[in-house]
Structures are given as structure tokens and as C-alpha cells.
């Protein structure tokens, strides 16, 4: 199968491309900054601007082509109106261009996997969320961006579309995990804010397997619609930090009060809501389909990802 990955030059795109190439599939990554030779063995990189139609649309023309849409600016930004508008625009415009390109095909794409986020539920407190949970009127950098992102994929010319609402993806060497582990090593790995906010997370290996199932390349094959791509056992922030400390060999860590986090977020030009809000999101669809996580518990995931 030919799989086109829009916005596939990041961490998740690299992990997915590696597995697809190992299985003998043709992988094309649409990126604003292609390299030749490709930065990923066996992957062809093609330029697009993430906004308009162009020569890249020919990559969708071959019969039997599937699409994975990961395009969008990273959410690690201050929640200013300008940044929120840019976060939404980078996702909506890219998705709209892909939808328009799909409509110009005579045959539908075989599969369309659309990225989204559990942050669409904003700060959900202790509510238990799954695929059918209603989307609130929530924080603009979360619900406001994600809801428009999902809606932009409606009307795509494809046989099978899955929207993945993904939790925090844990992968070795990524900035998010490395930053948390470094804080824990420095003795700053205590609870963030109240520590009671829920963290919905997933090991990158399980995320890749869910995408493969959504593409029909691995059993169980997933039905169309929304799928929560998060492990079955979310944890509260205090528990996550405790397990991180244990993973790096530290028994204690100073807490990070909310005012201090807000101050640090200003200095780091990020959004404090990323650390102070949370969601308890798990998947009824994956459970009913028979999907089995290799890393259902956070302690096992961290043991695999953190250096011994």
C-alpha cells in the first residue's frame, strides 16, 4: 500500500514511517522542508506548503493510496489570540487542502486517519470520557482548535475515515518526556499545581499500532469514526510524577505550585494550561474491537522508555 503522511516529519510521523517501511509499504511524507536524501530510510519526502494545492496532489493519485494527516503547528505556545489563530489555521488549512485533493480523485482514498487530541474535551475534571462524550465549549487553545481540526476533515473522499483523539504520546528522546525526566532528576519532580489533574497518555508503540489498525494493516481493524488513542489507565499528575521520579531514581521532588508554573510558562513561551488541566479519556471502541495494549500501565511504559 502507498501511505501518504501529511506533516510526517515530526516525532509521530517518524515512528509511523519506520514501521510502515519495515512492513514493505511505500511511504510518502508531505513536508514544508523536504530533504534529499530523505531523513528517514525508505521514505520519500515531497514539498507542500500545507495550504494550497500543488504538484504534491499527484502523490494521492495512485490507486490504493491511504492518507494519515498529522499536519499542524505544535501546541507548545503562549495562548495569545494570534497563536491560537495560527494553531487552528495550520491544521484547518492543511486538512482542507487534503480534502480538496481527495475530491479530485476518481477513486476514493482507501483510508484516511485524521489526527486530533483528547484536549478537545478541555479541562474535564473527574468526568470519565470516551468516544461518545460530548465536546464542551472549552478553552480556545484546546477545544477551539481541535473541534475545527476535526470538522475540516468532513467530506473527504475516502472509503474509511478514523479520527484519532490522542493523549500525551510518550517516546524516548522527545522533548516532553526528557523535560519531565530532567526535572525529576533535579529534584523538581513533585506534583504540578494540585496534582489531581488527570493525564491521558499512550506509549508511542501502541499509538503506531492503533494507526496500523485504523489503516487496515493490523488486526483488529478499527471501525470508522472517533477513536480515543490513549492507554486504558490514565493517572493523576501526582502519580505520573511519582512514577517518573522512581524511573530516574529519585524518591522525592519539590512540587510546582500553579503560580510558579504560570510564571515559568511566560518565560518559556508556552501555555500553563498544558500542565494544569487534564482529562480522564479511555477508549470504548478499542476495547470492543479487541485491541490489546502492550503498555496499559504507566509504570511499564516508563520502564521501557527511560534509561535504566
Foldseek 3Di string as FASTA:
>chain_A
DEEEEEVLPDDLSQVLVVVCVVVPYAYEYEDCDADVVGPHPRYHYDYDPLAADDPVLVSVADPQYEYEYPWFDDQFFAPDPVVLVRRQCRQLRNLLRQQVSQVPYPAHHAEYEAEAAPLLQPFDQPDEAEQPDDRDPYDCSRVVRRVSNVVSNPNRRYDAYEYEHEFAEDAAPDPVLVVQLVQLVVQALAAEAVQQAKGFYAYSVQVSVLVCLCSVNDPPNFHHYYWYHTAQDIDGRRVLSCLSNVLNVHRHHHYHHLVNLVVVCVVVRGYSSVRVGHHNYDYPRCVVRPNDGPPNDPNVSSNVRGDD
